[in-house]
Amino acid sequence: MKNNFTLRKNLKGIFLLAFFSLAFFSCENHRFDSDKRQIISKDEIENKLGRVRFFDVTGFNEDTVNVENASYFKKQIRYTLDISFVDSNNILLKKKGIVMFTPDGQTIINSKITDQ
């Protein structure tokens, strides 16, 4: 009788551990989406620069922007990257790259490089 009770207790513990493990690891991780957008933004700005000798992201910012005159997306996700690079004349330049994403963060709307 005692072994049967212990077996039920152990099975109940294993079931609860499996249930909570499954629930914990199946949750959606939004941190990964943000990291993925940051990498996409860096690649987009680096591709806009063309062939540069040295490229580095020195600052990074993510925010949501309300765009009044946008016909499709009112709230857009903006990634602002402070970048430095060496151009073909061996001059170190510091610029700002701005990449706009759709509200779901899956698609780039536009990107541009501006002076700081």
C-alpha atoms as a PDB file:
ATOM      1  CA  MET A   1       0.000   0.000   0.000  1.00  0.00           C
ATOM      2  CA  LYS A   2       2.828   2.398   0.891  1.00  0.00           C
ATOM      3  CA  ASN A   3       4.625   1.739  -2.437  1.00  0.00           C
ATOM      4  CA  ASN A   4       1.422   2.472  -4.375  1.00  0.00           C
ATOM      5  CA  PHE A   5       1.021   5.830  -2.564  1.00  0.00           C
ATOM      6  CA  THR A   6       4.680   6.748  -3.201  1.00  0.00           C
ATOM      7  CA  LEU A   7       4.346   5.798  -6.867  1.00  0.00           C
ATOM      8  CA  ARG A   8       1.274   8.020  -7.278  1.00  0.00           C
ATOM      9  CA  LYS A   9       3.036  10.902  -5.534  1.00  0.00           C
ATOM     10  CA  ASN A  10       6.090  10.540  -7.787  1.00  0.00           C
ATOM     11  CA  LEU A  11       3.954  10.320 -10.935  1.00  0.00           C
ATOM     12  CA  LYS A  12       2.021  13.418  -9.879  1.00  0.00           C
ATOM     13  CA  GLY A  13       5.310  15.291  -9.311  1.00  0.00           C
ATOM     14  CA  ILE A  14       6.686  14.187 -12.684  1.00  0.00           C
ATOM     15  CA  PHE A  15       3.455  15.232 -14.409  1.00  0.00           C
ATOM     16  CA  LEU A  16       3.498  18.677 -12.772  1.00  0.00           C
ATOM     17  CA  LEU A  17       7.177  19.168 -13.633  1.00  0.00           C
ATOM     18  CA  ALA A  18       6.554  18.184 -17.261  1.00  0.00           C
ATOM     19  CA  PHE A  19       3.494  20.468 -17.480  1.00  0.00           C
ATOM     20  CA  PHE A  20       5.247  23.535 -16.063  1.00  0.00           C
ATOM     21  CA  SER A  21       8.383  22.874 -18.133  1.00  0.00           C
ATOM     22  CA  LEU A  22       6.299  22.666 -21.280  1.00  0.00           C
ATOM     23  CA  ALA A  23       4.397  25.841 -20.374  1.00  0.00           C
ATOM     24  CA  PHE A  24       7.595  27.745 -19.541  1.00  0.00           C
ATOM     25  CA  PHE A  25       9.557  26.785 -22.653  1.00  0.00           C
ATOM     26  CA  SER A  26       6.669  27.268 -25.058  1.00  0.00           C
ATOM     27  CA  CYS A  27       6.160  30.926 -24.104  1.00  0.00           C
ATOM     28  CA  GLU A  28       6.939  33.445 -26.808  1.00  0.00           C
ATOM     29  CA  ASN A  29      10.174  35.317 -26.264  1.00  0.00           C
ATOM     30  CA  HIS A  30       9.912  38.903 -27.549  1.00  0.00           C
ATOM     31  CA  ARG A  31      13.542  39.580 -26.679  1.00  0.00           C
ATOM     32  CA  PHE A  32      14.579  37.445 -29.648  1.00  0.00           C
ATOM     33  CA  ASP A  33      12.409  39.571 -31.996  1.00  0.00           C
ATOM     34  CA  SER A  34      14.091  42.739 -30.786  1.00  0.00           C
ATOM     35  CA  ASP A  35      17.562  41.231 -31.256  1.00  0.00           C
ATOM     36  CA  LYS A  36      16.599  40.045 -34.726  1.00  0.00           C
ATOM     37  CA  ARG A  37      15.392  43.547 -35.709  1.00  0.00           C
ATOM     38  CA  GLN A  38      18.628  45.034 -34.393  1.00  0.00           C
ATOM     39  CA  ILE A  39      20.676  42.699 -36.605  1.00  0.00           C
ATOM     40  CA  ILE A  40      18.425  43.418 -39.595  1.00  0.00           C
ATOM     41  CA  SER A  41      18.833  47.179 -38.992  1.00  0.00           C
ATOM     42  CA  LYS A  42      22.615  46.886 -38.834  1.00  0.00           C
ATOM     43  CA  ASP A  43      22.707  44.863 -42.049  1.00  0.00           C
ATOM     44  CA  GLU A  44      20.346  47.306 -43.813  1.00  0.00           C
ATOM     45  CA  ILE A  45      22.493  50.337 -42.938  1.00  0.00           C
ATOM     46  CA  GLU A  46      25.722  48.520 -43.785  1.00  0.00           C
ATOM     47  CA  ASN A  47      24.303  47.574 -47.196  1.00  0.00           C
ATOM     48  CA  LYS A  48      23.269  51.190 -47.840  1.00  0.00           C
ATOM     49  CA  LEU A  49      26.847  52.331 -47.199  1.00  0.00           C
ATOM     50  CA  GLY A  50      28.245  50.010 -49.808  1.00  0.00           C
ATOM     51  CA  ARG A  51      31.831  48.928 -49.542  1.00  0.00           C
ATOM     52  CA  VAL A  52      33.451  50.517 -46.509  1.00  0.00           C
ATOM     53  CA  ARG A  53      36.669  49.466 -44.803  1.00  0.00           C
ATOM     54  CA  PHE A  54      35.522  49.635 -41.220  1.00  0.00           C
ATOM     55  CA  PHE A  55      31.975  49.629 -39.867  1.00  0.00           C
ATOM     56  CA  ASP A  56      30.915  49.837 -36.231  1.00  0.00           C
ATOM     57  CA  VAL A  57      27.664  50.528 -34.398  1.00  0.00           C
ATOM     58  CA  THR A  58      28.494  52.820 -31.489  1.00  0.00           C
ATOM     59  CA  GLY A  59      24.951  53.482 -30.246  1.00  0.00           C
ATOM     60  CA  PHE A  60      21.519  51.998 -30.587  1.00  0.00           C
ATOM     61  CA  ASN A  61      17.960  53.050 -29.761  1.00  0.00           C
ATOM     62  CA  GLU A  62      14.539  51.472 -30.335  1.00  0.00           C
ATOM     63  CA  ASP A  63      11.247  53.324 -30.002  1.00  0.00           C
ATOM     64  CA  THR A  64       7.699  53.461 -31.328  1.00  0.00           C
ATOM     65  CA  VAL A  65       6.765  56.477 -33.422  1.00  0.00           C
ATOM     66  CA  ASN A  66       3.287  57.793 -34.231  1.00  0.00           C
ATOM     67  CA  VAL A  67       3.296  58.945 -37.849  1.00  0.00           C
ATOM     68  CA  GLU A  68       0.376  61.250 -38.619  1.00  0.00           C
ATOM     69  CA  ASN A  69       0.563  61.374 -42.409  1.00  0.00           C
ATOM     70  CA  ALA A  70       1.352  57.682 -42.992  1.00  0.00           C
ATOM     71  CA  SER A  71      -1.295  56.055 -45.129  1.00  0.00           C
ATOM     72  CA  TYR A  72      -0.719  52.466 -44.005  1.00  0.00           C
ATOM     73  CA  PHE A  73       0.973  52.357 -40.606  1.00  0.00           C
ATOM     74  CA  LYS A  74       0.273  54.923 -37.895  1.00  0.00           C
ATOM     75  CA  LYS A  75       2.606  53.384 -35.279  1.00  0.00           C
ATOM     76  CA  GLN A  76       5.995  52.344 -36.586  1.00  0.00           C
ATOM     77  CA  ILE A  77       9.026  50.891 -34.838  1.00  0.00           C
ATOM     78  CA  ARG A  78      12.110  53.057 -35.322  1.00  0.00           C
ATOM     79  CA  TYR A  79      15.648  51.810 -34.849  1.00  0.00           C
ATOM     80  CA  THR A  80      18.300  54.509 -34.626  1.00  0.00           C
ATOM     81  CA  LEU A  81      21.921  53.423 -34.935  1.00  0.00           C
ATOM     82  CA  ASP A  82      24.923  55.646 -34.319  1.00  0.00           C
ATOM     83  CA  ILE A  83      27.542  54.350 -36.726  1.00  0.00           C
ATOM     84  CA  SER A  84      31.149  55.057 -37.584  1.00  0.00           C
ATOM     85  CA  PHE A  85      32.955  53.888 -40.669  1.00  0.00           C
ATOM     86  CA  VAL A  86      36.011  54.585 -42.804  1.00  0.00           C
ATOM     87  CA  ASP A  87      35.146  55.620 -46.349  1.00  0.00           C
ATOM     88  CA  SER A  88      37.150  55.067 -49.512  1.00  0.00           C
ATOM     89  CA  ASN A  89      39.251  58.196 -48.784  1.00  0.00           C
ATOM     90  CA  ASN A  90      40.363  56.755 -45.399  1.00  0.00           C
ATOM     91  CA  ILE A  91      38.283  59.308 -43.515  1.00  0.00           C
ATOM     92  CA  LEU A  92      36.512  58.263 -40.343  1.00  0.00           C
ATOM     93  CA  LEU A  93      32.876  59.359 -40.565  1.00  0.00           C
ATOM     94  CA  LYS A  94      30.197  59.293 -37.888  1.00  0.00           C
ATOM     95  CA  LYS A  95      26.598  59.138 -39.069  1.00  0.00           C
ATOM     96  CA  LYS A  96      23.176  58.080 -37.880  1.00  0.00           C
ATOM     97  CA  GLY A  97      21.212  55.275 -39.509  1.00  0.00           C
ATOM     98  CA  ILE A  98      17.429  55.168 -39.140  1.00  0.00           C
ATOM     99  CA  VAL A  99      15.418  52.066 -40.006  1.00  0.00           C
ATOM    100  CA  MET A 100      11.608  52.069 -39.822  1.00  0.00           C
ATOM    101  CA  PHE A 101       9.719  48.796 -39.316  1.00  0.00           C
ATOM    102  CA  THR A 102       6.024  47.925 -39.556  1.00  0.00           C
ATOM    103  CA  PRO A 103       4.151  47.718 -36.212  1.00  0.00           C
ATOM    104  CA  ASP A 104       4.638  43.943 -36.091  1.00  0.00           C
ATOM    105  CA  GLY A 105       8.393  44.436 -36.590  1.00  0.00           C
ATOM    106  CA  GLN A 106       8.638  41.977 -39.466  1.00  0.00           C
ATOM    107  CA  THR A 107       9.115  44.279 -42.478  1.00  0.00           C
ATOM    108  CA  ILE A 108      11.299  47.307 -43.173  1.00  0.00           C
ATOM    109  CA  ILE A 109       9.316  50.323 -44.401  1.00  0.00           C
ATOM    110  CA  ASN A 110      12.308  52.522 -45.174  1.00  0.00           C
ATOM    111  CA  SER A 111      15.851  53.283 -44.077  1.00  0.00           C
ATOM    112  CA  LYS A 112      18.178  56.234 -44.386  1.00  0.00           C
ATOM    113  CA  ILE A 113      21.570  57.518 -43.272  1.00  0.00           C
ATOM    114  CA  THR A 114      21.816  61.050 -41.906  1.00  0.00           C
ATOM    115  CA  ASP A 115      24.464  63.269 -40.351  1.00  0.00           C
ATOM    116  CA  GLN A 116      24.606  63.245 -36.580  1.00  0.00           C
END
